[in-house]
Amino acid sequence: MNPTACILVIGNEILSGRTQDVNVQYIARRLSELGITLAEVRIIPDRREVIVTTLCDVRARFEHVFTTGGIGPTHDDITAPCVAEAFGVPWVVHPETFRLLEAHFRPGEFNAARQRMATLPQGATPIANNVSIAPGFSIGNVHVLAGVPRIMQAMFEAVAPTLRHGTPVTSRSWYALELFEGALAAGLSEIQDRYPDLDIGSYPFRRPDGRRGVALVCKGVDRGAVLAAAQATRDLIVQLGFAPQEGEPPP
């Protein structure tokens, strides 16, 4: 079976609605491509006791845990010391990271706030950041990434080659205009019964021009089964009297 993963989105700004999270979609897509099953996503506040308790829970239940957010220089960036507490290790200056950041900033700019970004849980391995220098880090099965999407993506790609992974997920989809879920529910349920190990879903959509329809998506690690199930969904669309189009509906 493929390894499992959990994402912890950490940040009051996400829970308040001030900031829209876009990191989960990116990580989920890349995990699927790597053959890692994303099994759970949680959004939690910048509160020490919540972060520590949640980390202790999920790192015991999933093979990979990814956190996003809370590793900057300000007082509310508390993810790193919370990870240290969850692992029962000190939060200490990482000499190599300290030297890297000290060389990056102009004389006098590497102040105490910025030095916090060079403080990691003891035993952590830095995750390279080719966008803004300050690294994320991995400790055990927990990978701590930035919240800023461009920086998070750079960190994820840096750590991706080190992850234990499995069989990439194959996905195929068909869609049809003016077809609705009520008409295809019984037929789609029968296809799902034939391929119980696949994730088969229906997703209604509405285009800007007002036309509506539904997309049928088949996903799984057994490529042959996915292709067969996708063909069955195409045949179902035809049987219902609609014209199937391969892929995702255009925006």
C-alpha atoms as a PDB file:
ATOM      1  CA  MET A   1       0.000   0.000   0.000  1.00  0.00           C
ATOM      2  CA  ASN A   2       1.094   3.565  -0.615  1.00  0.00           C
ATOM      3  CA  PRO A   3       2.369   5.630   2.318  1.00  0.00           C
ATOM      4  CA  THR A   4      -0.158   7.930   3.971  1.00  0.00           C
ATOM      5  CA  ALA A   5       0.136  11.642   4.687  1.00  0.00           C
ATOM      6  CA  CYS A   6      -1.527  14.398   6.681  1.00  0.00           C
ATOM      7  CA  ILE A   7      -1.320  18.157   6.161  1.00  0.00           C
ATOM      8  CA  LEU A   8      -1.552  20.580   9.078  1.00  0.00           C
ATOM      9  CA  VAL A   9      -2.364  24.108   7.961  1.00  0.00           C
ATOM     10  CA  ILE A  10      -1.299  26.322  10.857  1.00  0.00           C
ATOM     11  CA  GLY A  11      -2.484  29.908  11.098  1.00  0.00           C
ATOM     12  CA  ASN A  12      -5.122  32.140  12.644  1.00  0.00           C
ATOM     13  CA  GLU A  13      -5.311  34.035   9.348  1.00  0.00           C
ATOM     14  CA  ILE A  14      -6.665  30.922   7.603  1.00  0.00           C
ATOM     15  CA  LEU A  15      -9.279  30.236  10.270  1.00  0.00           C
ATOM     16  CA  SER A  16     -10.430  33.873  10.278  1.00  0.00           C
ATOM     17  CA  GLY A  17     -10.902  33.934   6.518  1.00  0.00           C
ATOM     18  CA  ARG A  18      -8.371  36.727   6.056  1.00  0.00           C
ATOM     19  CA  THR A  19      -6.124  34.491   3.947  1.00  0.00           C
ATOM     20  CA  GLN A  20      -7.260  31.847   1.485  1.00  0.00           C
ATOM     21  CA  ASP A  21      -5.227  28.654   1.636  1.00  0.00           C
ATOM     22  CA  VAL A  22      -3.868  27.427  -1.698  1.00  0.00           C
ATOM     23  CA  ASN A  23      -1.128  25.175  -0.362  1.00  0.00           C
ATOM     24  CA  VAL A  24      -3.279  22.097   0.249  1.00  0.00           C
ATOM     25  CA  GLN A  25      -4.197  21.785  -3.419  1.00  0.00           C
ATOM     26  CA  TYR A  26      -0.547  21.937  -4.488  1.00  0.00           C
ATOM     27  CA  ILE A  27       0.656  19.428  -1.908  1.00  0.00           C
ATOM     28  CA  ALA A  28      -2.272  17.078  -2.584  1.00  0.00           C
ATOM     29  CA  ARG A  29      -1.567  17.028  -6.316  1.00  0.00           C
ATOM     30  CA  ARG A  30       2.150  16.417  -5.838  1.00  0.00           C
ATOM     31  CA  LEU A  31       1.557  13.670  -3.272  1.00  0.00           C
ATOM     32  CA  SER A  32      -0.752  11.928  -5.724  1.00  0.00           C
ATOM     33  CA  GLU A  33       1.960  12.100  -8.376  1.00  0.00           C
ATOM     34  CA  LEU A  34       4.480  10.642  -5.917  1.00  0.00           C
ATOM     35  CA  GLY A  35       2.247   7.759  -4.874  1.00  0.00           C
ATOM     36  CA  ILE A  36       1.540   9.065  -1.367  1.00  0.00           C
ATOM     37  CA  THR A  37      -2.064   8.961  -0.153  1.00  0.00           C
ATOM     38  CA  LEU A  38      -3.246  12.200   1.444  1.00  0.00           C
ATOM     39  CA  ALA A  39      -5.587  10.896   4.124  1.00  0.00           C
ATOM     40  CA  GLU A  40      -6.317  13.954   6.252  1.00  0.00           C
ATOM     41  CA  VAL A  41      -6.058  17.753   6.321  1.00  0.00           C
ATOM     42  CA  ARG A  42      -6.490  19.867   9.448  1.00  0.00           C
ATOM     43  CA  ILE A  43      -6.525  23.639   9.895  1.00  0.00           C
ATOM     44  CA  ILE A  44      -5.446  24.683  13.374  1.00  0.00           C
ATOM     45  CA  PRO A  45      -4.714  28.007  15.132  1.00  0.00           C
ATOM     46  CA  ASP A  46      -1.397  29.496  16.244  1.00  0.00           C
ATOM     47  CA  ARG A  47      -1.835  28.090  19.758  1.00  0.00           C
ATOM     48  CA  ARG A  48       0.964  26.148  21.382  1.00  0.00           C
ATOM     49  CA  GLU A  49      -1.144  23.509  23.089  1.00  0.00           C
ATOM     50  CA  VAL A  50      -3.191  22.820  19.947  1.00  0.00           C
ATOM     51  CA  ILE A  51      -0.139  22.529  17.690  1.00  0.00           C
ATOM     52  CA  VAL A  52       1.737  20.238  20.080  1.00  0.00           C
ATOM     53  CA  THR A  53      -1.236  17.969  20.781  1.00  0.00           C
ATOM     54  CA  THR A  54      -2.195  17.728  17.126  1.00  0.00           C
ATOM     55  CA  LEU A  55       1.362  16.958  16.018  1.00  0.00           C
ATOM     56  CA  CYS A  56       1.705  14.185  18.600  1.00  0.00           C
ATOM     57  CA  ASP A  57      -1.536  12.667  17.311  1.00  0.00           C
ATOM     58  CA  VAL A  58      -0.961  12.789  13.568  1.00  0.00           C
ATOM     59  CA  ARG A  59       2.735  11.895  13.475  1.00  0.00           C
ATOM     60  CA  ALA A  60       1.834   8.607  15.173  1.00  0.00           C
ATOM     61  CA  ARG A  61      -0.898   7.811  12.647  1.00  0.00           C
ATOM     62  CA  PHE A  62       0.577   8.864   9.295  1.00  0.00           C
ATOM     63  CA  GLU A  63       3.862   8.115   7.583  1.00  0.00           C
ATOM     64  CA  HIS A  64       4.341  11.713   6.443  1.00  0.00           C
ATOM     65  CA  VAL A  65       3.122  14.907   8.114  1.00  0.00           C
ATOM     66  CA  PHE A  66       3.453  18.278   6.388  1.00  0.00           C
ATOM     67  CA  THR A  67       2.882  21.543   8.205  1.00  0.00           C
ATOM     68  CA  THR A  68       2.492  24.922   6.512  1.00  0.00           C
ATOM     69  CA  GLY A  69       2.809  28.292   8.195  1.00  0.00           C
ATOM     70  CA  GLY A  70       4.281  29.785  11.346  1.00  0.00           C
ATOM     71  CA  ILE A  71       8.037  29.661  10.697  1.00  0.00           C
ATOM     72  CA  GLY A  72       8.754  33.355  10.088  1.00  0.00           C
ATOM     73  CA  PRO A  73      10.459  35.932  12.349  1.00  0.00           C
ATOM     74  CA  THR A  74       7.474  37.365  14.265  1.00  0.00           C
ATOM     75  CA  HIS A  75       6.106  36.562  17.710  1.00  0.00           C
ATOM     76  CA  ASP A  76       3.190  34.521  16.344  1.00  0.00           C
ATOM     77  CA  ASP A  77       5.464  32.251  14.301  1.00  0.00           C
ATOM     78  CA  ILE A  78       5.536  29.469  16.867  1.00  0.00           C
ATOM     79  CA  THR A  79       5.503  26.310  14.752  1.00  0.00           C
ATOM     80  CA  ALA A  80       9.219  25.487  15.174  1.00  0.00           C
ATOM     81  CA  PRO A  81       9.321  25.604  19.002  1.00  0.00           C
ATOM     82  CA  CYS A  82       6.039  23.674  19.110  1.00  0.00           C
ATOM     83  CA  VAL A  83       7.514  20.933  16.911  1.00  0.00           C
ATOM     84  CA  ALA A  84      10.511  20.784  19.252  1.00  0.00           C
ATOM     85  CA  GLU A  85       8.154  20.377  22.211  1.00  0.00           C
ATOM     86  CA  ALA A  86       6.166  17.661  20.443  1.00  0.00           C
ATOM     87  CA  PHE A  87       9.382  15.699  19.855  1.00  0.00           C
ATOM     88  CA  GLY A  88      10.712  16.390  23.348  1.00  0.00           C
ATOM     89  CA  VAL A  89      13.901  18.100  22.141  1.00  0.00           C
ATOM     90  CA  PRO A  90      15.346  21.601  22.697  1.00  0.00           C
ATOM     91  CA  TRP A  91      14.742  24.449  20.259  1.00  0.00           C
ATOM     92  CA  VAL A  92      18.292  25.522  19.471  1.00  0.00           C
ATOM     93  CA  VAL A  93      20.309  27.601  17.044  1.00  0.00           C
ATOM     94  CA  HIS A  94      21.301  25.541  13.998  1.00  0.00           C
ATOM     95  CA  PRO A  95      24.867  26.726  13.273  1.00  0.00           C
ATOM     96  CA  GLU A  96      24.866  26.074   9.519  1.00  0.00           C
ATOM     97  CA  THR A  97      21.521  27.840   9.070  1.00  0.00           C
ATOM     98  CA  PHE A  98      22.676  30.711  11.260  1.00  0.00           C
ATOM     99  CA  ARG A  99      25.763  31.220   9.080  1.00  0.00           C
ATOM    100  CA  LEU A 100      23.674  30.994   5.905  1.00  0.00           C
ATOM    101  CA  LEU A 101      21.241  33.678   7.062  1.00  0.00           C
ATOM    102  CA  GLU A 102      23.957  35.873   8.538  1.00  0.00           C
ATOM    103  CA  ALA A 103      25.724  35.915   5.163  1.00  0.00           C
ATOM    104  CA  HIS A 104      22.460  36.658   3.352  1.00  0.00           C
ATOM    105  CA  PHE A 105      21.574  39.850   5.220  1.00  0.00           C
ATOM    106  CA  ARG A 106      23.532  43.086   5.102  1.00  0.00           C
ATOM    107  CA  PRO A 107      25.558  44.042   8.178  1.00  0.00           C
ATOM    108  CA  GLY A 108      23.258  45.065  11.003  1.00  0.00           C
ATOM    109  CA  GLU A 109      20.120  43.517   9.429  1.00  0.00           C
ATOM    110  CA  PHE A 110      20.456  40.039  10.910  1.00  0.00           C
ATOM    111  CA  ASN A 111      18.613  41.026  14.065  1.00  0.00           C
ATOM    112  CA  ALA A 112      17.151  38.882  16.845  1.00  0.00           C
ATOM    113  CA  ALA A 113      13.859  38.405  15.013  1.00  0.00           C
ATOM    114  CA  ARG A 114      15.584  37.047  11.910  1.00  0.00           C
ATOM    115  CA  GLN A 115      17.827  34.871  14.049  1.00  0.00           C
ATOM    116  CA  ARG A 116      14.676  33.024  15.194  1.00  0.00           C
ATOM    117  CA  MET A 117      14.518  31.546  11.684  1.00  0.00           C
ATOM    118  CA  ALA A 118      17.880  29.866  12.336  1.00  0.00           C
ATOM    119  CA  THR A 119      16.534  28.198  15.492  1.00  0.00           C
ATOM    120  CA  LEU A 120      15.343  24.628  14.880  1.00  0.00           C
ATOM    121  CA  PRO A 121      14.435  21.585  16.935  1.00  0.00           C
ATOM    122  CA  GLN A 122      17.618  19.781  17.905  1.00  0.00           C
ATOM    123  CA  GLY A 123      18.321  17.027  15.370  1.00  0.00           C
ATOM    124  CA  ALA A 124      16.208  18.595  12.603  1.00  0.00           C
ATOM    125  CA  THR A 125      17.418  18.604   9.004  1.00  0.00           C
ATOM    126  CA  PRO A 126      16.953  21.915   7.139  1.00  0.00           C
ATOM    127  CA  ILE A 127      14.834  21.950   3.963  1.00  0.00           C
ATOM    128  CA  ALA A 128      16.421  24.195   1.356  1.00  0.00           C
ATOM    129  CA  ASN A 129      14.599  27.364   0.329  1.00  0.00           C
ATOM    130  CA  ASN A 130      15.836  28.844  -2.950  1.00  0.00           C
ATOM    131  CA  VAL A 131      13.294  31.682  -2.825  1.00  0.00           C
ATOM    132  CA  SER A 132      13.968  33.521   0.439  1.00  0.00           C
ATOM    133  CA  ILE A 133      16.866  31.548   1.992  1.00  0.00           C
ATOM    134  CA  ALA A 134      15.344  30.795   5.436  1.00  0.00           C
ATOM    135  CA  PRO A 135      14.790  27.017   5.409  1.00  0.00           C
ATOM    136  CA  GLY A 136      12.036  24.739   6.520  1.00  0.00           C
ATOM    137  CA  PHE A 137      13.035  21.541   8.279  1.00  0.00           C
ATOM    138  CA  SER A 138      12.307  17.859   8.736  1.00  0.00           C
ATOM    139  CA  ILE A 139      12.420  15.933  11.984  1.00  0.00           C
ATOM    140  CA  GLY A 140      11.275  12.343  12.107  1.00  0.00           C
ATOM    141  CA  ASN A 141       8.317  12.050   9.752  1.00  0.00           C
ATOM    142  CA  VAL A 142       7.313  15.727  10.105  1.00  0.00           C
ATOM    143  CA  HIS A 143       8.192  18.198   7.352  1.00  0.00           C
ATOM    144  CA  VAL A 144       7.760  21.860   8.311  1.00  0.00           C
ATOM    145  CA  LEU A 145       7.130  24.215   5.379  1.00  0.00           C
ATOM    146  CA  ALA A 146       6.464  27.929   4.979  1.00  0.00           C
ATOM    147  CA  GLY A 147       2.963  29.311   4.549  1.00  0.00           C
ATOM    148  CA  VAL A 148       3.745  31.655   1.627  1.00  0.00           C
ATOM    149  CA  PRO A 149       2.773  29.559  -1.422  1.00  0.00           C
ATOM    150  CA  ARG A 150       5.816  30.264  -3.591  1.00  0.00           C
ATOM    151  CA  ILE A 151       8.192  29.499  -0.737  1.00  0.00           C
ATOM    152  CA  MET A 152       6.194  26.450   0.362  1.00  0.00           C
ATOM    153  CA  GLN A 153       6.363  25.011  -3.146  1.00  0.00           C
ATOM    154  CA  ALA A 154      10.137  25.460  -3.296  1.00  0.00           C
ATOM    155  CA  MET A 155      10.513  23.718   0.064  1.00  0.00           C
ATOM    156  CA  PHE A 156       8.200  20.871  -0.934  1.00  0.00           C
ATOM    157  CA  GLU A 157      10.144  20.224  -4.125  1.00  0.00           C
ATOM    158  CA  ALA A 158      13.387  20.241  -2.125  1.00  0.00           C
ATOM    159  CA  VAL A 159      12.121  17.581   0.284  1.00  0.00           C
ATOM    160  CA  ALA A 160      10.126  15.494  -2.226  1.00  0.00           C
ATOM    161  CA  PRO A 161      13.060  13.308  -3.386  1.00  0.00           C
ATOM    162  CA  THR A 162      13.664  12.185   0.200  1.00  0.00           C
ATOM    163  CA  LEU A 163      10.097  10.960   0.810  1.00  0.00           C
ATOM    164  CA  ARG A 164       9.186   7.289   0.841  1.00  0.00           C
ATOM    165  CA  HIS A 165       6.596   6.939  -1.863  1.00  0.00           C
ATOM    166  CA  GLY A 166       4.623   4.315  -3.751  1.00  0.00           C
ATOM    167  CA  THR A 167       2.706   3.867  -6.981  1.00  0.00           C
ATOM    168  CA  PRO A 168       1.577   7.145  -8.579  1.00  0.00           C
ATOM    169  CA  VAL A 169      -2.172   7.625  -8.859  1.00  0.00           C
ATOM    170  CA  THR A 170      -3.689   7.336 -12.340  1.00  0.00           C
ATOM    171  CA  SER A 171      -6.638   9.606 -13.071  1.00  0.00           C
ATOM    172  CA  ARG A 172      -9.015   9.716 -16.033  1.00  0.00           C
ATOM    173  CA  SER A 173     -12.113  11.836 -16.506  1.00  0.00           C
ATOM    174  CA  TRP A 174     -14.998  12.399 -18.889  1.00  0.00           C
ATOM    175  CA  TYR A 175     -17.588  15.152 -18.833  1.00  0.00           C
ATOM    176  CA  ALA A 176     -20.787  16.040 -20.623  1.00  0.00           C
ATOM    177  CA  LEU A 177     -22.824  19.213 -20.919  1.00  0.00           C
ATOM    178  CA  GLU A 178     -26.451  19.224 -19.768  1.00  0.00           C
ATOM    179  CA  LEU A 179     -25.979  15.884 -17.992  1.00  0.00           C
ATOM    180  CA  PHE A 180     -26.866  15.907 -14.287  1.00  0.00           C
ATOM    181  CA  GLU A 181     -26.122  13.644 -11.349  1.00  0.00           C
ATOM    182  CA  GLY A 182     -29.701  12.487 -10.855  1.00  0.00           C
ATOM    183  CA  ALA A 183     -29.677  10.819 -14.265  1.00  0.00           C
ATOM    184  CA  LEU A 184     -26.419   8.938 -13.822  1.00  0.00           C
ATOM    185  CA  ALA A 185     -26.381   8.085 -10.101  1.00  0.00           C
ATOM    186  CA  ALA A 186     -27.581   4.482 -10.465  1.00  0.00           C
ATOM    187  CA  GLY A 187     -25.223   3.678 -13.328  1.00  0.00           C
ATOM    188  CA  LEU A 188     -22.245   5.269 -11.615  1.00  0.00           C
ATOM    189  CA  SER A 189     -22.965   3.355  -8.405  1.00  0.00           C
ATOM    190  CA  GLU A 190     -22.872   0.113 -10.378  1.00  0.00           C
ATOM    191  CA  ILE A 191     -19.468   1.030 -11.849  1.00  0.00           C
ATOM    192  CA  GLN A 192     -18.161   1.810  -8.359  1.00  0.00           C
ATOM    193  CA  ASP A 193     -19.356  -1.624  -7.178  1.00  0.00           C
ATOM    194  CA  ARG A 194     -17.361  -3.236 -10.003  1.00  0.00           C
ATOM    195  CA  TYR A 195     -14.204  -1.322  -9.071  1.00  0.00           C
ATOM    196  CA  PRO A 196     -14.316  -1.005  -5.261  1.00  0.00           C
ATOM    197  CA  ASP A 197     -10.632  -0.108  -4.933  1.00  0.00           C
ATOM    198  CA  LEU A 198     -10.973   2.990  -7.111  1.00  0.00           C
ATOM    199  CA  ASP A 199     -12.104   6.479  -6.198  1.00  0.00           C
ATOM    200  CA  ILE A 200     -14.937   7.238  -8.636  1.00  0.00           C
ATOM    201  CA  GLY A 201     -16.693  10.565  -8.302  1.00  0.00           C
ATOM    202  CA  SER A 202     -19.114  12.895 -10.057  1.00  0.00           C
ATOM    203  CA  TYR A 203     -18.548  16.648 -10.011  1.00  0.00           C
ATOM    204  CA  PRO A 204     -21.186  19.083 -11.260  1.00  0.00           C
ATOM    205  CA  PHE A 205     -19.937  22.268 -12.909  1.00  0.00           C
ATOM    206  CA  ARG A 206     -21.334  25.494 -14.313  1.00  0.00           C
ATOM    207  CA  ARG A 207     -19.502  27.386 -17.044  1.00  0.00           C
ATOM    208  CA  PRO A 208     -19.343  31.195 -17.266  1.00  0.00           C
ATOM    209  CA  ASP A 209     -21.728  31.031 -20.243  1.00  0.00           C
ATOM    210  CA  GLY A 210     -24.353  29.422 -17.995  1.00  0.00           C
ATOM    211  CA  ARG A 211     -24.127  25.904 -19.415  1.00  0.00           C
ATOM    212  CA  ARG A 212     -23.999  23.154 -16.836  1.00  0.00           C
ATOM    213  CA  GLY A 213     -22.937  19.547 -16.737  1.00  0.00           C
ATOM    214  CA  VAL A 214     -21.082  16.935 -14.769  1.00  0.00           C
ATOM    215  CA  ALA A 215     -17.581  15.451 -14.830  1.00  0.00           C
ATOM    216  CA  LEU A 216     -16.928  11.810 -13.932  1.00  0.00           C
ATOM    217  CA  VAL A 217     -13.481  11.068 -12.508  1.00  0.00           C
ATOM    218  CA  CYS A 218     -11.824   7.696 -11.883  1.00  0.00           C
ATOM    219  CA  LYS A 219      -8.643   7.538  -9.775  1.00  0.00           C
ATOM    220  CA  GLY A 220      -6.490   4.790  -8.317  1.00  0.00           C
ATOM    221  CA  VAL A 221      -3.104   3.088  -8.284  1.00  0.00           C
ATOM    222  CA  ASP A 222      -4.193   0.203 -10.566  1.00  0.00           C
ATOM    223  CA  ARG A 223      -3.779   1.781 -13.989  1.00  0.00           C
ATOM    224  CA  GLY A 224      -5.602  -0.998 -15.826  1.00  0.00           C
ATOM    225  CA  ALA A 225      -8.610  -0.784 -13.536  1.00  0.00           C
ATOM    226  CA  VAL A 226      -8.712   3.012 -13.838  1.00  0.00           C
ATOM    227  CA  LEU A 227      -8.719   2.841 -17.635  1.00  0.00           C
ATOM    228  CA  ALA A 228     -11.446   0.189 -17.629  1.00  0.00           C
ATOM    229  CA  ALA A 229     -13.604   2.148 -15.189  1.00  0.00           C
ATOM    230  CA  ALA A 230     -13.106   5.347 -17.185  1.00  0.00           C
ATOM    231  CA  GLN A 231     -14.271   3.538 -20.318  1.00  0.00           C
ATOM    232  CA  ALA A 232     -17.331   2.362 -18.396  1.00  0.00           C
ATOM    233  CA  THR A 233     -18.134   5.945 -17.364  1.00  0.00           C
ATOM    234  CA  ARG A 234     -17.789   7.059 -20.981  1.00  0.00           C
ATOM    235  CA  ASP A 235     -20.156   4.283 -22.064  1.00  0.00           C
ATOM    236  CA  LEU A 236     -22.625   5.350 -19.374  1.00  0.00           C
ATOM    237  CA  ILE A 237     -22.668   8.908 -20.717  1.00  0.00           C
ATOM    238  CA  VAL A 238     -23.343   7.597 -24.214  1.00  0.00           C
ATOM    239  CA  GLN A 239     -26.112   5.271 -22.976  1.00  0.00           C
ATOM    240  CA  LEU A 240     -27.815   8.249 -21.363  1.00  0.00           C
ATOM    241  CA  GLY A 241     -27.840  10.054 -24.715  1.00  0.00           C
ATOM    242  CA  PHE A 242     -25.103  12.621 -24.125  1.00  0.00           C
ATOM    243  CA  ALA A 243     -21.815  13.399 -25.844  1.00  0.00           C
ATOM    244  CA  PRO A 244     -18.787  12.515 -23.661  1.00  0.00           C
ATOM    245  CA  GLN A 245     -15.739  14.775 -23.720  1.00  0.00           C
ATOM    246  CA  GLU A 246     -12.442  13.505 -22.340  1.00  0.00           C
ATOM    247  CA  GLY A 247     -10.610  15.438 -19.617  1.00  0.00           C
ATOM    248  CA  GLU A 248     -11.732  18.215 -17.317  1.00  0.00           C
ATOM    249  CA  PRO A 249     -14.409  20.706 -18.395  1.00  0.00           C
ATOM    250  CA  PRO A 250     -12.935  24.021 -19.582  1.00  0.00           C
ATOM    251  CA  PRO A 251     -13.340  26.978 -17.226  1.00  0.00           C
END
